């Protein structure tokens, strides 16, 4: 499940992308538009800032703006930054599976494929896609059914 932090990170990034006319946007303005507590928003935007996804400016006309164009941000990258792994089960969160049952686990291949589908889907979407309403719908037959 995607946490509030991940969902809010996407909302913040979308807000900045939609206001991307090169001006800095204040935390207060973003918080008001997105109906997010300014204090919580600051903690989320700090993560985005440290990772270089946004640029900050202090002082008069200060605030935040995107570091790149909206089409250069993959949704999967933003969510992995704020959520960590997007694995569907805990045994896949660390990359290499260290579960003692891995060799005999009948469900592991299913969880691995689900994780791949989740990551592939989120990595094909960009902020620009969300702004433009171009959310890719994967037909069932595309996944082999």
N, C-alpha and C. Protein backbone atom coordinates (compact mmCIF):
# COMPACT_ATOMS: atom_id res chain seq x y z
N UNK A 1 0.84 -1.18 0.00
CA UNK A 1 0.00 0.00 0.00
C UNK A 1 0.89 1.25 0.00
N UNK A 2 0.56 2.19 -0.82
CA UNK A 2 1.29 3.45 -0.90
C UNK A 2 0.85 4.33 0.27
N UNK A 3 1.81 4.83 1.01
CA UNK A 3 1.52 5.64 2.19
C UNK A 3 1.13 7.06 1.82
N UNK A 4 0.70 7.80 2.84
CA UNK A 4 0.38 9.22 2.66
C UNK A 4 1.59 9.97 2.12
N UNK A 5 2.78 9.64 2.61
CA UNK A 5 3.98 10.33 2.15
C UNK A 5 4.16 10.19 0.64
N UNK A 6 3.98 8.98 0.12
CA UNK A 6 4.11 8.76 -1.32
C UNK A 6 3.03 9.47 -2.12
N UNK A 7 1.80 9.40 -1.64
CA UNK A 7 0.70 10.07 -2.33
C UNK A 7 0.89 11.58 -2.32
N UNK A 8 1.30 12.12 -1.18
CA UNK A 8 1.51 13.56 -1.08
C UNK A 8 2.71 14.00 -1.93
N UNK A 9 3.74 13.18 -2.00
CA UNK A 9 4.89 13.52 -2.84
C UNK A 9 4.43 13.69 -4.29
N UNK A 10 3.58 12.79 -4.76
CA UNK A 10 3.06 12.91 -6.13
C UNK A 10 2.22 14.16 -6.29
N UNK A 11 1.40 14.46 -5.30
CA UNK A 11 0.57 15.67 -5.38
C UNK A 11 1.42 16.93 -5.40
N UNK A 12 2.47 16.95 -4.59
CA UNK A 12 3.39 18.10 -4.56
C UNK A 12 4.07 18.26 -5.92
N UNK A 13 4.59 17.15 -6.44
CA UNK A 13 5.29 17.20 -7.72
C UNK A 13 4.34 17.61 -8.84
N UNK A 14 3.11 17.13 -8.82
CA UNK A 14 2.13 17.52 -9.83
C UNK A 14 1.79 19.00 -9.71
N UNK A 15 1.65 19.48 -8.49
CA UNK A 15 1.35 20.90 -8.26
C UNK A 15 2.47 21.76 -8.83
N UNK A 16 3.70 21.38 -8.56
CA UNK A 16 4.84 22.14 -9.09
C UNK A 16 4.91 22.04 -10.62
N UNK A 17 4.59 20.86 -11.14
CA UNK A 17 4.63 20.67 -12.60
C UNK A 17 3.58 21.53 -13.29
N UNK A 18 2.41 21.63 -12.70
CA UNK A 18 1.35 22.43 -13.29
C UNK A 18 1.62 23.93 -13.15
N UNK A 19 2.51 24.28 -12.23
CA UNK A 19 2.89 25.68 -12.03
C UNK A 19 4.30 25.93 -12.55
N UNK A 20 4.72 25.13 -13.51
CA UNK A 20 6.12 25.13 -13.93
C UNK A 20 6.48 26.24 -14.91
N UNK A 21 6.10 27.46 -14.60
CA UNK A 21 6.48 28.57 -15.46
C UNK A 21 7.74 29.26 -14.93
N UNK A 22 8.64 28.42 -14.35
CA UNK A 22 9.95 28.87 -13.87
C UNK A 22 9.91 29.73 -12.61
N UNK A 23 8.74 29.93 -12.02
CA UNK A 23 8.73 30.69 -10.78
C UNK A 23 8.70 29.72 -9.60
N UNK A 24 9.16 30.18 -8.47
CA UNK A 24 9.18 29.37 -7.27
C UNK A 24 7.81 29.41 -6.60
N UNK A 25 7.40 28.29 -6.07
CA UNK A 25 6.10 28.17 -5.43
C UNK A 25 6.32 27.95 -3.94
N UNK A 26 5.64 28.73 -3.12
CA UNK A 26 5.82 28.63 -1.67
C UNK A 26 5.12 27.39 -1.11
N UNK A 27 5.65 26.92 0.01
CA UNK A 27 5.04 25.79 0.72
C UNK A 27 3.60 26.13 1.08
N UNK A 28 3.38 27.37 1.50
CA UNK A 28 2.04 27.80 1.89
C UNK A 28 1.07 27.67 0.72
N UNK A 29 1.49 28.07 -0.48
CA UNK A 29 0.62 27.98 -1.66
C UNK A 29 0.31 26.52 -2.02
N UNK A 30 1.34 25.69 -2.00
CA UNK A 30 1.14 24.27 -2.32
C UNK A 30 0.21 23.64 -1.28
N UNK A 31 0.49 23.90 -0.01
CA UNK A 31 -0.31 23.33 1.08
C UNK A 31 -1.77 23.74 0.95
N UNK A 32 -2.01 25.00 0.62
CA UNK A 32 -3.38 25.47 0.45
C UNK A 32 -4.10 24.80 -0.69
N UNK A 33 -3.44 24.72 -1.85
CA UNK A 33 -4.06 24.09 -3.02
C UNK A 33 -4.29 22.60 -2.81
N UNK A 34 -3.33 21.94 -2.16
CA UNK A 34 -3.40 20.49 -2.02
C UNK A 34 -4.08 20.04 -0.72
N UNK A 35 -4.42 21.00 0.12
CA UNK A 35 -5.05 20.71 1.41
C UNK A 35 -4.21 19.71 2.22
N UNK A 36 -2.93 20.04 2.29
CA UNK A 36 -1.96 19.26 3.07
C UNK A 36 -1.42 20.20 4.14
N UNK A 37 -1.23 19.69 5.33
CA UNK A 37 -0.62 20.48 6.39
C UNK A 37 0.74 20.98 5.92
N UNK A 38 1.01 22.27 6.12
CA UNK A 38 2.29 22.85 5.68
C UNK A 38 3.46 22.15 6.36
N UNK A 39 3.30 21.79 7.62
CA UNK A 39 4.38 21.12 8.36
C UNK A 39 4.69 19.75 7.75
N UNK A 40 3.64 18.98 7.43
CA UNK A 40 3.86 17.67 6.82
C UNK A 40 4.40 17.83 5.41
N UNK A 41 3.89 18.80 4.68
CA UNK A 41 4.36 19.07 3.33
C UNK A 41 5.86 19.38 3.35
N UNK A 42 6.31 20.17 4.32
CA UNK A 42 7.73 20.49 4.42
C UNK A 42 8.59 19.25 4.61
N UNK A 43 8.11 18.29 5.38
CA UNK A 43 8.89 17.07 5.59
C UNK A 43 8.98 16.24 4.31
N UNK A 44 7.91 16.22 3.53
CA UNK A 44 7.91 15.47 2.27
C UNK A 44 8.76 16.19 1.23
N UNK A 45 8.60 17.50 1.13
CA UNK A 45 9.35 18.24 0.11
C UNK A 45 10.85 18.24 0.43
N UNK A 46 11.21 18.10 1.71
CA UNK A 46 12.63 17.99 2.07
C UNK A 46 13.24 16.74 1.45
N UNK A 47 12.49 15.65 1.43
CA UNK A 47 12.97 14.40 0.81
C UNK A 47 13.18 14.63 -0.69
N UNK A 48 12.22 15.28 -1.32
CA UNK A 48 12.31 15.56 -2.76
C UNK A 48 13.48 16.50 -3.07
N UNK A 49 13.69 17.46 -2.18
CA UNK A 49 14.78 18.42 -2.36
C UNK A 49 16.15 17.75 -2.21
N UNK A 50 16.30 16.93 -1.16
CA UNK A 50 17.59 16.23 -0.95
C UNK A 50 17.94 15.32 -2.12
N UNK A 51 16.93 14.76 -2.75
CA UNK A 51 17.15 13.85 -3.88
C UNK A 51 17.35 14.61 -5.19
N UNK A 52 17.19 15.94 -5.17
CA UNK A 52 17.40 16.74 -6.37
C UNK A 52 16.21 16.77 -7.32
N UNK A 53 15.05 16.32 -6.86
CA UNK A 53 13.87 16.36 -7.71
C UNK A 53 13.28 17.76 -7.79
N UNK A 54 13.47 18.54 -6.73
CA UNK A 54 13.02 19.93 -6.73
C UNK A 54 14.19 20.82 -6.36
N UNK A 55 14.06 22.09 -6.71
CA UNK A 55 15.06 23.10 -6.40
C UNK A 55 14.41 24.09 -5.45
N UNK A 56 15.14 24.48 -4.41
CA UNK A 56 14.59 25.43 -3.46
C UNK A 56 15.35 26.75 -3.52
N UNK A 57 14.63 27.81 -3.18
CA UNK A 57 15.24 29.12 -3.10
C UNK A 57 14.69 29.79 -1.84
N UNK A 58 15.59 30.36 -1.06
CA UNK A 58 15.20 31.04 0.17
C UNK A 58 14.98 32.52 -0.12
N UNK A 59 14.30 33.18 0.81
CA UNK A 59 14.15 34.62 0.73
C UNK A 59 12.96 35.06 -0.09
N UNK A 60 13.01 36.37 -0.45
CA UNK A 60 11.93 36.94 -1.25
C UNK A 60 11.80 36.17 -2.55
N UNK A 61 10.56 35.90 -2.94
CA UNK A 61 10.28 35.09 -4.12
C UNK A 61 10.83 33.67 -4.00
N UNK A 62 11.05 33.24 -2.79
CA UNK A 62 11.56 31.89 -2.55
C UNK A 62 10.47 30.85 -2.68
N UNK A 63 10.86 29.62 -2.59
CA UNK A 63 9.93 28.50 -2.68
C UNK A 63 10.58 27.35 -3.42
N UNK A 64 9.77 26.58 -4.09
CA UNK A 64 10.24 25.37 -4.77
C UNK A 64 9.78 25.37 -6.21
N UNK A 65 10.55 24.67 -7.02
CA UNK A 65 10.17 24.40 -8.41
C UNK A 65 10.81 23.09 -8.81
N UNK A 66 10.33 22.53 -9.90
CA UNK A 66 10.90 21.28 -10.39
C UNK A 66 12.33 21.51 -10.89
N UNK A 67 13.17 20.53 -10.71
CA UNK A 67 14.54 20.60 -11.21
C UNK A 67 14.61 20.25 -12.70
N UNK A 68 13.60 19.52 -13.19
CA UNK A 68 13.59 19.08 -14.59
C UNK A 68 12.19 19.29 -15.16
N UNK A 69 12.02 18.95 -16.40
CA UNK A 69 10.72 19.03 -17.06
C UNK A 69 9.82 17.90 -16.55
N UNK A 70 8.50 18.11 -16.51
CA UNK A 70 7.58 17.07 -16.02
C UNK A 70 7.73 15.72 -16.71
N UNK A 71 8.04 15.74 -18.00
CA UNK A 71 8.18 14.47 -18.72
C UNK A 71 9.43 13.69 -18.34
N UNK A 72 10.32 14.29 -17.58
CA UNK A 72 11.55 13.62 -17.16
C UNK A 72 11.44 12.94 -15.79
N UNK A 73 10.27 13.01 -15.17
CA UNK A 73 10.05 12.39 -13.86
C UNK A 73 9.17 11.15 -14.01
N UNK A 74 9.73 10.00 -13.68
CA UNK A 74 8.93 8.78 -13.69
C UNK A 74 8.24 8.62 -12.34
N UNK A 75 6.98 8.24 -12.38
CA UNK A 75 6.19 8.07 -11.16
C UNK A 75 6.84 7.00 -10.26
N UNK A 76 7.34 5.95 -10.86
CA UNK A 76 8.00 4.89 -10.08
C UNK A 76 9.17 5.42 -9.27
N UNK A 77 9.96 6.32 -9.84
CA UNK A 77 11.11 6.89 -9.14
C UNK A 77 10.67 7.71 -7.94
N UNK A 78 9.62 8.50 -8.11
CA UNK A 78 9.12 9.33 -7.01
C UNK A 78 8.61 8.45 -5.89
N UNK A 79 7.86 7.42 -6.23
CA UNK A 79 7.31 6.54 -5.20
C UNK A 79 8.39 5.71 -4.51
N UNK A 80 9.37 5.22 -5.26
CA UNK A 80 10.46 4.47 -4.62
C UNK A 80 11.27 5.36 -3.68
N UNK A 81 11.43 6.62 -4.04
CA UNK A 81 12.14 7.57 -3.18
C UNK A 81 11.41 7.73 -1.85
N UNK A 82 10.11 7.89 -1.89
CA UNK A 82 9.35 8.17 -0.68
C UNK A 82 8.88 6.92 0.04
N UNK A 83 8.74 5.82 -0.67
CA UNK A 83 8.21 4.58 -0.08
C UNK A 83 9.27 3.51 0.15
N UNK A 84 10.39 3.62 -0.54
CA UNK A 84 11.33 2.51 -0.53
C UNK A 84 10.89 1.56 -1.64
N UNK A 85 11.10 0.28 -1.44
CA UNK A 85 10.73 -0.71 -2.45
C UNK A 85 9.22 -0.73 -2.64
N UNK A 86 8.80 -1.01 -3.84
CA UNK A 86 7.37 -1.14 -4.14
C UNK A 86 6.98 -2.61 -4.23
N UNK A 87 7.68 -3.44 -3.49
CA UNK A 87 7.45 -4.88 -3.50
C UNK A 87 6.09 -5.20 -2.90
N UNK A 88 5.39 -6.17 -3.49
CA UNK A 88 4.07 -6.53 -2.97
C UNK A 88 4.12 -7.33 -1.68
N UNK A 89 5.25 -7.95 -1.38
CA UNK A 89 5.41 -8.72 -0.14
C UNK A 89 6.76 -8.39 0.49
N UNK A 90 6.84 -8.52 1.79
CA UNK A 90 8.05 -8.09 2.52
C UNK A 90 9.29 -8.87 2.13
N UNK A 91 9.16 -10.13 1.73
CA UNK A 91 10.37 -10.90 1.42
C UNK A 91 11.08 -10.39 0.16
N UNK A 92 10.43 -9.53 -0.62
CA UNK A 92 11.05 -8.98 -1.83
C UNK A 92 11.53 -7.54 -1.66
N UNK A 93 11.34 -6.96 -0.49
CA UNK A 93 11.67 -5.56 -0.28
C UNK A 93 13.17 -5.26 -0.35
N UNK A 94 14.00 -6.19 0.01
CA UNK A 94 15.44 -5.94 0.11
C UNK A 94 16.19 -6.25 -1.17
N UNK A 95 15.51 -6.59 -2.22
CA UNK A 95 16.21 -6.96 -3.45
C UNK A 95 16.42 -8.47 -3.47
N UNK A 96 17.55 -8.92 -2.95
CA UNK A 96 17.82 -10.36 -2.91
C UNK A 96 16.98 -11.00 -1.82
N UNK A 97 16.25 -12.04 -2.16
CA UNK A 97 15.36 -12.70 -1.22
C UNK A 97 16.17 -13.57 -0.25
N UNK A 98 16.07 -13.24 1.02
CA UNK A 98 16.81 -13.98 2.05
C UNK A 98 15.90 -14.93 2.83
N UNK A 99 14.69 -15.11 2.36
CA UNK A 99 13.73 -15.98 3.04
C UNK A 99 14.22 -17.42 3.01
N UNK A 100 14.13 -18.08 4.15
CA UNK A 100 14.56 -19.48 4.23
C UNK A 100 13.68 -20.39 3.38
N UNK A 101 12.47 -19.95 3.08
CA UNK A 101 11.54 -20.76 2.30
C UNK A 101 11.62 -20.49 0.80
N UNK A 102 12.45 -19.56 0.38
CA UNK A 102 12.47 -19.11 -1.02
C UNK A 102 12.59 -20.26 -2.02
N UNK A 103 13.44 -21.23 -1.74
CA UNK A 103 13.67 -22.31 -2.70
C UNK A 103 12.45 -23.20 -2.89
N UNK A 104 11.61 -23.29 -1.89
CA UNK A 104 10.45 -24.17 -1.99
C UNK A 104 9.11 -23.41 -1.98
N UNK A 105 9.19 -22.10 -2.03
CA UNK A 105 7.97 -21.28 -1.98
C UNK A 105 7.27 -21.31 -3.33
N UNK A 106 6.06 -21.83 -3.34
CA UNK A 106 5.27 -21.93 -4.56
C UNK A 106 4.69 -20.58 -4.98
N UNK A 107 4.59 -19.62 -4.04
CA UNK A 107 3.99 -18.33 -4.37
C UNK A 107 5.02 -17.28 -4.78
N UNK A 108 6.29 -17.53 -4.52
CA UNK A 108 7.33 -16.55 -4.81
C UNK A 108 7.34 -16.09 -6.27
N UNK A 109 7.27 -16.99 -7.25
CA UNK A 109 7.27 -16.51 -8.64
C UNK A 109 6.11 -15.56 -8.94
N UNK A 110 4.95 -15.82 -8.34
CA UNK A 110 3.80 -14.95 -8.54
C UNK A 110 4.08 -13.56 -7.96
N UNK A 111 4.63 -13.50 -6.74
CA UNK A 111 4.93 -12.21 -6.10
C UNK A 111 6.01 -11.46 -6.88
N UNK A 112 7.00 -12.18 -7.39
CA UNK A 112 8.05 -11.54 -8.17
C UNK A 112 7.47 -10.92 -9.45
N UNK A 113 6.59 -11.65 -10.12
CA UNK A 113 5.98 -11.13 -11.34
C UNK A 113 5.08 -9.93 -11.03
N UNK A 114 4.32 -10.00 -9.94
CA UNK A 114 3.49 -8.87 -9.55
C UNK A 114 4.36 -7.64 -9.28
N UNK A 115 5.46 -7.83 -8.58
CA UNK A 115 6.39 -6.72 -8.32
C UNK A 115 6.93 -6.12 -9.61
N UNK A 116 7.27 -6.99 -10.56
CA UNK A 116 7.77 -6.52 -11.85
C UNK A 116 6.70 -5.70 -12.57
N UNK A 117 5.46 -6.20 -12.57
CA UNK A 117 4.36 -5.49 -13.23
C UNK A 117 4.12 -4.13 -12.60
N UNK A 118 4.14 -4.07 -11.29
CA UNK A 118 3.93 -2.80 -10.58
C UNK A 118 5.01 -1.80 -10.98
N UNK A 119 6.27 -2.22 -10.88
CA UNK A 119 7.38 -1.32 -11.19
C UNK A 119 7.39 -0.92 -12.66
N UNK A 120 7.15 -1.86 -13.56
CA UNK A 120 7.12 -1.54 -14.99
C UNK A 120 6.02 -0.54 -15.30
N UNK A 121 4.85 -0.74 -14.71
CA UNK A 121 3.73 0.16 -14.96
C UNK A 121 4.04 1.57 -14.47
N UNK A 122 4.51 1.69 -13.22
CA UNK A 122 4.78 3.01 -12.66
C UNK A 122 5.97 3.69 -13.34
N UNK A 123 6.88 2.90 -13.88
CA UNK A 123 8.04 3.48 -14.57
C UNK A 123 7.71 3.97 -15.98
N UNK A 124 6.59 3.55 -16.53
CA UNK A 124 6.23 4.06 -17.85
C UNK A 124 5.42 5.34 -17.77
N UNK A 125 4.98 5.72 -16.58
CA UNK A 125 4.22 6.95 -16.39
C UNK A 125 5.10 8.08 -15.92
N UNK A 126 4.86 9.27 -16.46
CA UNK A 126 5.59 10.46 -16.03
C UNK A 126 4.61 11.47 -15.43
N UNK A 127 5.17 12.50 -14.80
CA UNK A 127 4.32 13.58 -14.31
C UNK A 127 3.50 14.19 -15.45
N UNK A 128 4.12 14.36 -16.59
CA UNK A 128 3.42 14.93 -17.74
C UNK A 128 2.24 14.05 -18.15
N UNK A 129 2.42 12.73 -18.11
CA UNK A 129 1.32 11.83 -18.44
C UNK A 129 0.14 12.06 -17.50
N UNK A 130 0.40 12.22 -16.22
CA UNK A 130 -0.68 12.43 -15.26
C UNK A 130 -1.35 13.78 -15.49
N UNK A 131 -0.57 14.80 -15.77
CA UNK A 131 -1.13 16.12 -16.04
C UNK A 131 -2.03 16.08 -17.27
N UNK A 132 -1.56 15.38 -18.30
CA UNK A 132 -2.30 15.30 -19.57
C UNK A 132 -3.43 14.27 -19.55
N UNK A 133 -3.53 13.50 -18.47
CA UNK A 133 -4.55 12.46 -18.39
C UNK A 133 -4.22 11.24 -19.22
N UNK A 134 -2.95 11.06 -19.55
CA UNK A 134 -2.51 9.93 -20.36
C UNK A 134 -2.08 8.76 -19.47
N UNK A 135 -2.98 8.30 -18.66
CA UNK A 135 -2.68 7.18 -17.79
C UNK A 135 -2.85 5.91 -18.59
N UNK A 136 -1.77 5.17 -18.72
CA UNK A 136 -1.76 3.96 -19.53
C UNK A 136 -2.58 2.89 -18.84
N UNK A 137 -3.51 2.34 -19.59
CA UNK A 137 -4.29 1.22 -19.08
C UNK A 137 -3.76 -0.03 -19.73
N UNK A 138 -3.36 -0.98 -18.93
CA UNK A 138 -2.80 -2.21 -19.44
C UNK A 138 -3.93 -3.24 -19.60
N UNK A 139 -4.27 -3.59 -20.83
CA UNK A 139 -5.33 -4.59 -21.01
C UNK A 139 -4.89 -5.95 -20.46
N UNK A 140 -5.85 -6.70 -19.99
CA UNK A 140 -5.58 -8.01 -19.41
C UNK A 140 -4.81 -8.90 -20.36
N UNK A 141 -5.13 -8.86 -21.65
CA UNK A 141 -4.45 -9.73 -22.62
C UNK A 141 -2.98 -9.36 -22.77
N UNK A 142 -2.62 -8.14 -22.41
CA UNK A 142 -1.23 -7.72 -22.50
C UNK A 142 -0.37 -8.40 -21.44
N UNK A 143 -0.99 -8.80 -20.35
CA UNK A 143 -0.24 -9.48 -19.29
C UNK A 143 -0.37 -11.00 -19.39
N UNK A 144 -0.94 -11.46 -20.46
CA UNK A 144 -0.93 -12.89 -20.70
C UNK A 144 -2.22 -13.61 -20.36
N UNK A 145 -3.32 -12.93 -20.17
CA UNK A 145 -4.59 -13.60 -19.86
C UNK A 145 -5.53 -13.53 -21.02
